[in-house]
Amino acid sequence: MGFLKTVFLSLFFSLNLLSLAFASPLSYFDKIEVKEPVIVKNLEIFPLVSSVGNKLPQIYTLDEALFKDFLIVRETDEVNKLEVENRSNKYVFIMAGEIVSGGKQNRTLQEDLLLPPHSGKVIADVFCVEEGRWESKGDKFFSSSYLTNLGVRESALAAKKEFAQQNVWSMVESYSKEVGAKSRTYALDEILKSDKVNYYAGNYKKEFKGFLSEYPQARGVVVAIGGERILCIDLFEDRDLFVSLWDKLLMSYIAEAIVRENEKYAEIKKKDVIKFIEILKETEISRISTPGEGSLWKLQSEEIKGRILSFKDYIIHLVAFPGKEMGENEEDVPLYRQY
């Protein structure tokens, strides 16, 4: 009997340790509080705050690593792949949607990527965000300092793989027409930095200027536009990383808002965001491959599509969009789901 008891206890503790080892990264939402929104015209941003979070080992963003020449980006034989190499002694985080310009075409990463120190050469999947050029501007890639607008970010994430690149090009072309800013080669970063976009974006930026200081424990946001639509959630467990990427994130939200100014002003309530997060917490997650460090998780349901990049049991970045699967007939599927 004593032997059986010992076996049972060993099995019990082993199973508990196993469950802890595979704890869902979504459990971090239990430590998050949703604040009332900051509203500017048709754009609502709900701060997600927490006094609990893990600080990553010192990490460079894409902009920092390229500026210091710690990150090397090279062309490969395939349009939708780039070679990246971290030559620093710190980690480098590249967020899906960040634009690198140069090479034969401007690109954006398909998935979040964490490169370890002295990573060696890593092949990363990318999308082209400059359909009208296939000629070299030189071997070097640079940060454009822009993140693709939300429509492109969602399209790149939600579309089936075989349609994804065409969907991205279609979204870039559509955005160019909607905002009335042109680029000879349909380069998204040129459109985003155009005088027209920045003229409309100015008022939004001014009103959000004090956001980070007003919410010193903010680690992410839920974004809504037009009174009926929750657009996305971006969440970082490391406050410093969120702060480093805030300007890019904010501009990606504003870029979407300025083409929807004719929609009615914001009416999404805090309770709607809480409901959205509750749905998110129940969403099935599955691990998918990443060429970098950490674990990449796919969020998949009829209500939610998203990704989580985690490292040592804490969230580096979570991004999710409400909506249905987009495929061959994605034009028939609403870009945003209403709650």
Protein backbone atom coordinates (compact mmCIF):
# COMPACT_ATOMS: atom_id res chain seq x y z
CA MET A 1 0.00 0.00 0.00
CA GLY A 2 2.86 2.35 0.85
CA PHE A 3 4.43 1.70 -2.53
CA LEU A 4 1.17 2.47 -4.37
CA LYS A 5 0.76 5.68 -2.35
CA THR A 6 4.26 6.76 -3.29
CA VAL A 7 3.58 6.05 -6.98
CA PHE A 8 0.28 7.94 -6.82
CA LEU A 9 1.85 10.99 -5.17
CA SER A 10 4.72 11.01 -7.66
CA LEU A 11 2.26 10.85 -10.54
CA PHE A 12 0.11 13.60 -8.99
CA PHE A 13 3.02 16.01 -8.56
CA SER A 14 4.40 15.16 -12.01
CA LEU A 15 1.09 15.99 -13.65
CA ASN A 16 0.86 19.25 -11.72
CA LEU A 17 4.37 20.23 -12.73
CA LEU A 18 3.52 19.34 -16.32
CA SER A 19 0.41 21.52 -16.25
CA LEU A 20 2.44 24.41 -14.87
CA ALA A 21 5.05 23.94 -17.57
CA PHE A 22 2.36 24.20 -20.24
CA ALA A 23 0.32 26.97 -18.63
CA SER A 24 -1.40 29.06 -21.25
CA PRO A 25 0.14 32.50 -21.84
CA LEU A 26 -3.46 33.77 -21.89
CA SER A 27 -3.51 33.41 -18.09
CA TYR A 28 -1.72 36.78 -17.93
CA PHE A 29 -5.09 38.43 -18.64
CA ASP A 30 -6.08 37.60 -15.05
CA LYS A 31 -3.57 40.29 -13.99
CA ILE A 32 -4.82 42.92 -16.46
CA GLU A 33 -7.25 45.75 -15.73
CA VAL A 34 -9.12 47.54 -18.53
CA LYS A 35 -9.27 51.32 -18.09
CA GLU A 36 -11.78 53.77 -19.54
CA PRO A 37 -10.87 54.79 -23.10
CA VAL A 38 -8.97 57.77 -24.38
CA ILE A 39 -11.21 59.08 -27.19
CA VAL A 40 -10.10 61.25 -30.07
CA LYS A 41 -12.70 61.75 -32.80
CA ASN A 42 -13.60 58.25 -34.03
CA LEU A 43 -10.67 56.49 -32.32
CA GLU A 44 -10.92 54.83 -28.91
CA ILE A 45 -7.88 53.39 -27.14
CA PHE A 46 -8.48 51.39 -23.96
CA PRO A 47 -5.34 51.12 -21.77
CA LEU A 48 -4.56 47.66 -20.41
CA VAL A 49 -2.72 48.13 -17.14
CA SER A 50 -1.03 45.79 -14.69
CA SER A 51 1.34 46.17 -11.77
CA VAL A 52 2.57 42.65 -12.52
CA GLY A 53 4.88 41.89 -15.38
CA ASN A 54 8.20 40.31 -16.24
CA LYS A 55 11.00 42.43 -17.58
CA LEU A 56 12.72 40.86 -20.54
CA PRO A 57 16.48 40.53 -20.70
CA GLN A 58 17.81 43.67 -22.37
CA ILE A 59 16.35 43.66 -25.85
CA TYR A 60 16.84 45.78 -28.94
CA THR A 61 13.92 46.73 -31.14
CA LEU A 62 14.25 46.58 -34.92
CA ASP A 63 15.00 50.32 -35.11
CA GLU A 64 17.65 50.19 -32.40
CA ALA A 65 19.38 47.14 -33.83
CA LEU A 66 19.49 48.49 -37.39
CA PHE A 67 20.68 51.90 -36.22
CA LYS A 68 23.56 50.33 -34.30
CA ASP A 69 24.37 47.95 -37.19
CA PHE A 70 23.73 45.00 -34.91
CA LEU A 71 21.05 43.59 -37.19
CA ILE A 72 21.94 42.55 -40.73
CA VAL A 73 19.11 42.02 -43.26
CA ARG A 74 19.84 40.40 -46.61
CA GLU A 75 17.95 39.34 -49.71
CA THR A 76 17.48 35.66 -50.53
CA ASP A 77 16.45 33.93 -53.76
CA GLU A 78 12.78 34.17 -52.69
CA VAL A 79 10.64 37.31 -52.57
CA ASN A 80 8.87 36.22 -49.39
CA LYS A 81 11.99 35.39 -47.41
CA LEU A 82 14.77 37.54 -45.95
CA GLU A 83 17.90 36.53 -44.11
CA VAL A 84 18.35 38.25 -40.75
CA GLU A 85 21.30 38.06 -38.37
CA ASN A 86 21.70 39.48 -34.87
CA ARG A 87 25.36 40.29 -34.26
CA SER A 88 24.86 41.83 -30.81
CA ASN A 89 25.15 40.23 -27.38
CA LYS A 90 21.50 41.08 -26.62
CA TYR A 91 18.15 39.85 -27.94
CA VAL A 92 16.47 41.57 -30.91
CA PHE A 93 12.69 41.69 -31.25
CA ILE A 94 11.10 42.35 -34.66
CA MET A 95 7.34 42.84 -34.59
CA ALA A 96 5.20 41.53 -37.42
CA GLY A 97 4.15 44.54 -39.51
CA GLU A 98 7.34 46.55 -39.00
CA ILE A 99 8.62 47.73 -42.39
CA VAL A 100 12.19 47.41 -43.59
CA SER A 101 13.00 49.40 -46.70
CA GLY A 102 15.69 48.78 -49.28
CA GLY A 103 16.87 45.71 -51.13
CA LYS A 104 14.77 44.86 -54.16
CA GLN A 105 11.46 45.62 -52.42
CA ASN A 106 10.31 46.93 -49.05
CA ARG A 107 9.16 44.11 -46.77
CA THR A 108 7.39 43.42 -43.51
CA LEU A 109 7.74 40.34 -41.34
CA GLN A 110 4.89 37.85 -41.42
CA GLU A 111 5.31 36.84 -37.76
CA ASP A 112 6.87 38.28 -34.61
CA LEU A 113 10.48 37.19 -34.29
CA LEU A 114 12.88 37.08 -31.34
CA LEU A 115 16.52 36.69 -32.34
CA PRO A 116 18.95 35.43 -29.69
CA PRO A 117 22.33 37.06 -29.15
CA HIS A 118 24.75 36.22 -31.98
CA SER A 119 21.93 34.37 -33.72
CA GLY A 120 23.74 33.41 -36.88
CA LYS A 121 21.83 33.59 -40.15
CA VAL A 122 18.07 33.11 -39.76
CA ILE A 123 15.53 32.90 -42.61
CA ALA A 124 12.39 34.92 -41.87
CA ASP A 125 9.11 34.85 -43.79
CA VAL A 126 8.13 38.28 -45.07
CA PHE A 127 5.54 40.06 -47.19
CA CYS A 128 6.32 42.60 -49.86
CA VAL A 129 4.72 45.99 -49.19
CA GLU A 130 5.98 47.64 -52.39
CA GLU A 131 4.36 45.86 -55.32
CA GLY A 132 5.70 48.13 -58.06
CA ARG A 133 9.44 47.64 -57.62
CA TRP A 134 11.80 44.70 -58.17
CA GLU A 135 15.16 46.36 -58.54
CA SER A 136 17.90 46.82 -56.02
CA LYS A 137 18.37 50.05 -54.08
CA GLY A 138 21.55 48.57 -52.67
CA ASP A 139 22.33 45.65 -50.41
CA LYS A 140 21.43 47.36 -47.16
CA PHE A 141 18.01 47.44 -45.52
CA PHE A 142 16.86 50.27 -43.26
CA SER A 143 14.04 50.72 -40.79
CA SER A 144 11.29 52.85 -42.29
CA SER A 145 10.17 53.71 -38.72
CA TYR A 146 6.64 52.64 -39.66
CA LEU A 147 4.36 49.77 -38.80
CA THR A 148 1.81 48.72 -41.41
CA ASN A 149 -1.69 50.07 -40.79
CA LEU A 150 -4.16 47.77 -39.04
CA GLY A 151 -5.92 46.69 -42.22
CA VAL A 152 -2.67 45.33 -43.64
CA ARG A 153 -1.64 43.81 -40.29
CA GLU A 154 -4.90 41.92 -40.03
CA SER A 155 -4.96 40.85 -43.66
CA ALA A 156 -1.44 39.45 -43.37
CA LEU A 157 -2.39 37.48 -40.27
CA ALA A 158 -5.88 36.28 -41.11
CA ALA A 159 -5.52 35.27 -44.74
CA LYS A 160 -4.77 31.73 -45.82
CA LYS A 161 -1.14 31.38 -46.77
CA GLU A 162 -1.69 30.94 -50.50
CA PHE A 163 -3.64 34.21 -50.68
CA ALA A 164 -1.71 36.22 -48.11
CA GLN A 165 0.70 38.17 -50.35
CA GLN A 166 -2.02 39.16 -52.80
CA ASN A 167 -4.21 40.23 -49.89
CA VAL A 168 -1.43 42.43 -48.54
CA TRP A 169 -0.91 44.11 -51.93
CA SER A 170 -4.66 44.62 -52.29
CA MET A 171 -4.88 46.21 -48.85
CA VAL A 172 -1.96 48.56 -49.60
CA GLU A 173 -3.55 49.64 -52.89
CA SER A 174 -6.93 50.08 -51.22
CA TYR A 175 -5.44 52.15 -48.41
CA SER A 176 -3.60 54.36 -50.91
CA LYS A 177 -6.88 55.12 -52.68
CA GLU A 178 -8.86 55.68 -49.48
CA VAL A 179 -6.39 58.12 -47.98
CA GLY A 180 -5.65 59.81 -51.31
CA ALA A 181 -1.86 59.45 -51.06
CA LYS A 182 0.06 57.94 -53.95
CA SER A 183 3.33 56.10 -54.34
CA ARG A 184 4.79 55.29 -57.74
CA THR A 185 5.74 51.81 -56.58
CA TYR A 186 2.88 51.36 -54.08
CA ALA A 187 5.37 51.52 -51.22
CA LEU A 188 3.30 51.49 -48.03
CA ASP A 189 5.84 53.41 -45.96
CA GLU A 190 5.87 56.21 -48.56
CA ILE A 191 2.09 56.39 -48.32
CA LEU A 192 2.20 56.48 -44.51
CA LYS A 193 4.83 59.24 -44.42
CA SER A 194 3.06 61.34 -47.06
CA ASP A 195 2.07 64.91 -46.27
CA LYS A 196 -1.59 64.02 -46.63
CA VAL A 197 -1.51 61.22 -44.05
CA ASN A 198 0.57 63.26 -41.61
CA TYR A 199 -1.73 66.27 -41.97
CA TYR A 200 -4.74 64.21 -40.91
CA ALA A 201 -2.75 62.31 -38.27
CA GLY A 202 -1.51 65.45 -36.54
CA ASN A 203 -4.58 66.09 -34.37
CA TYR A 204 -4.72 62.48 -33.22
CA LYS A 205 -1.03 62.46 -32.26
CA LYS A 206 -1.40 65.69 -30.32
CA GLU A 207 -4.23 64.32 -28.18
CA PHE A 208 -2.37 61.08 -27.36
CA LYS A 209 0.90 62.82 -26.51
CA GLY A 210 0.64 62.24 -22.75
CA PHE A 211 -0.75 58.71 -22.92
CA LEU A 212 2.31 56.87 -21.58
CA SER A 213 2.82 59.22 -18.63
CA GLU A 214 -0.89 59.18 -17.77
CA TYR A 215 -0.88 55.37 -17.66
CA PRO A 216 2.52 54.41 -16.20
CA GLN A 217 1.48 50.77 -15.79
CA ALA A 218 -0.01 50.35 -19.27
CA ARG A 219 1.29 47.27 -21.05
CA GLY A 220 -0.99 47.30 -24.04
CA VAL A 221 -4.22 48.57 -25.54
CA VAL A 222 -7.49 47.56 -27.13
CA VAL A 223 -8.36 49.72 -30.12
CA ALA A 224 -11.82 50.56 -31.44
CA ILE A 225 -12.99 52.78 -34.30
CA GLY A 226 -16.29 54.20 -35.46
CA GLY A 227 -18.44 53.35 -32.47
CA GLU A 228 -19.20 49.75 -33.37
CA ARG A 229 -15.90 48.07 -34.10
CA ILE A 230 -13.18 46.63 -31.95
CA LEU A 231 -10.18 46.52 -34.22
CA CYS A 232 -7.42 44.79 -32.29
CA ILE A 233 -5.49 44.22 -29.11
CA ASP A 234 -1.74 44.62 -28.66
CA LEU A 235 -0.26 43.47 -25.34
CA PHE A 236 3.32 43.34 -23.99
CA GLU A 237 4.22 41.95 -20.59
CA ASP A 238 7.38 44.08 -20.58
CA ARG A 239 6.40 47.73 -20.09
CA ASP A 240 9.72 48.97 -21.52
CA LEU A 241 9.17 47.11 -24.78
CA PHE A 242 5.64 48.50 -25.06
CA VAL A 243 6.98 52.03 -24.52
CA SER A 244 9.71 51.53 -27.15
CA LEU A 245 7.15 50.49 -29.76
CA TRP A 246 4.31 52.84 -28.76
CA ASP A 247 4.88 55.50 -31.43
CA LYS A 248 4.77 52.90 -34.20
CA LEU A 249 1.71 51.20 -32.74
CA LEU A 250 -0.15 54.49 -32.29
CA MET A 251 0.52 55.55 -35.86
CA SER A 252 -0.79 52.20 -37.15
CA TYR A 253 -4.05 52.86 -35.26
CA ILE A 254 -4.27 56.46 -36.44
CA ALA A 255 -3.55 55.45 -40.03
CA GLU A 256 -6.66 53.29 -39.92
CA ALA A 257 -8.77 55.90 -38.15
CA ILE A 258 -8.15 58.68 -40.68
CA VAL A 259 -9.71 56.69 -43.52
CA ARG A 260 -12.79 56.06 -41.36
CA GLU A 261 -13.47 59.59 -40.14
CA ASN A 262 -16.92 59.57 -41.74
CA GLU A 263 -18.01 56.80 -39.41
CA LYS A 264 -19.87 57.82 -36.29
CA TYR A 265 -17.91 58.77 -33.23
CA ALA A 266 -16.82 56.23 -30.64
CA GLU A 267 -19.41 54.43 -28.54
CA ILE A 268 -17.68 51.18 -27.62
CA LYS A 269 -17.85 50.77 -23.84
CA LYS A 270 -15.47 49.27 -21.32
CA LYS A 271 -17.87 46.35 -20.80
CA ASP A 272 -17.62 45.54 -24.54
CA VAL A 273 -13.84 45.35 -24.28
CA ILE A 274 -14.05 43.13 -21.20
CA LYS A 275 -16.39 40.82 -23.11
CA PHE A 276 -13.93 40.73 -26.03
CA ILE A 277 -11.09 39.81 -23.66
CA GLU A 278 -13.19 37.07 -22.05
CA ILE A 279 -13.74 35.57 -25.50
CA LEU A 280 -10.03 35.90 -26.19
CA LYS A 281 -9.15 34.07 -22.97
CA GLU A 282 -11.23 31.09 -24.06
CA THR A 283 -9.76 30.94 -27.55
CA GLU A 284 -7.93 27.76 -28.53
CA ILE A 285 -4.19 28.19 -28.91
CA SER A 286 -1.70 25.93 -30.65
CA ARG A 287 2.05 26.18 -31.01
CA ILE A 288 3.46 26.88 -34.47
CA SER A 289 7.05 27.03 -35.64
CA THR A 290 9.30 30.06 -35.35
CA PRO A 291 12.87 30.37 -36.64
CA GLY A 292 13.77 32.45 -33.60
CA GLU A 293 13.75 32.04 -29.82
CA GLY A 294 10.68 31.47 -27.66
CA SER A 295 7.33 29.95 -28.56
CA LEU A 296 4.92 31.22 -31.20
CA TRP A 297 1.25 30.49 -30.57
CA LYS A 298 -1.67 30.68 -32.98
CA LEU A 299 -5.01 31.97 -31.67
CA GLN A 300 -7.81 30.44 -33.72
CA SER A 301 -11.60 30.56 -33.46
CA GLU A 302 -14.58 32.01 -35.30
CA GLU A 303 -14.39 35.07 -33.04
CA ILE A 304 -10.62 35.62 -32.78
CA LYS A 305 -7.50 35.40 -34.94
CA GLY A 306 -4.14 36.22 -33.45
CA ARG A 307 -0.63 35.35 -32.35
CA ILE A 308 1.34 35.23 -29.12
CA LEU A 309 5.12 35.23 -28.97
CA SER A 310 6.22 34.04 -25.53
CA PHE A 311 9.61 33.52 -23.93
CA LYS A 312 10.26 31.67 -20.67
CA ASP A 313 6.55 31.60 -19.80
CA TYR A 314 5.79 35.27 -20.29
CA ILE A 315 4.34 37.23 -23.15
CA ILE A 316 6.64 39.20 -25.40
CA HIS A 317 3.79 40.32 -27.66
CA LEU A 318 0.17 39.32 -28.17
CA VAL A 319 -1.84 40.62 -31.09
CA ALA A 320 -5.40 39.60 -31.92
CA PHE A 321 -8.18 40.70 -34.23
CA PRO A 322 -11.89 39.91 -34.05
CA GLY A 323 -13.24 38.30 -37.19
CA LYS A 324 -13.66 35.22 -39.29
CA GLU A 325 -11.16 33.26 -41.33
CA MET A 326 -10.20 35.09 -44.55
CA GLY A 327 -9.58 33.00 -47.62
CA GLU A 328 -10.15 33.05 -51.33
CA ASN A 329 -13.34 35.07 -50.97
CA GLU A 330 -12.05 37.34 -48.25
CA GLU A 331 -13.71 40.36 -49.85
CA ASP A 332 -17.04 38.94 -48.67
CA VAL A 333 -15.86 38.79 -45.04
CA PRO A 334 -16.12 41.94 -42.87
CA LEU A 335 -12.69 43.23 -41.93
CA TYR A 336 -13.81 43.73 -38.35
CA ARG A 337 -16.28 41.83 -36.24
CA GLN A 338 -18.84 43.75 -34.22
CA TYR A 339 -19.48 43.05 -30.53
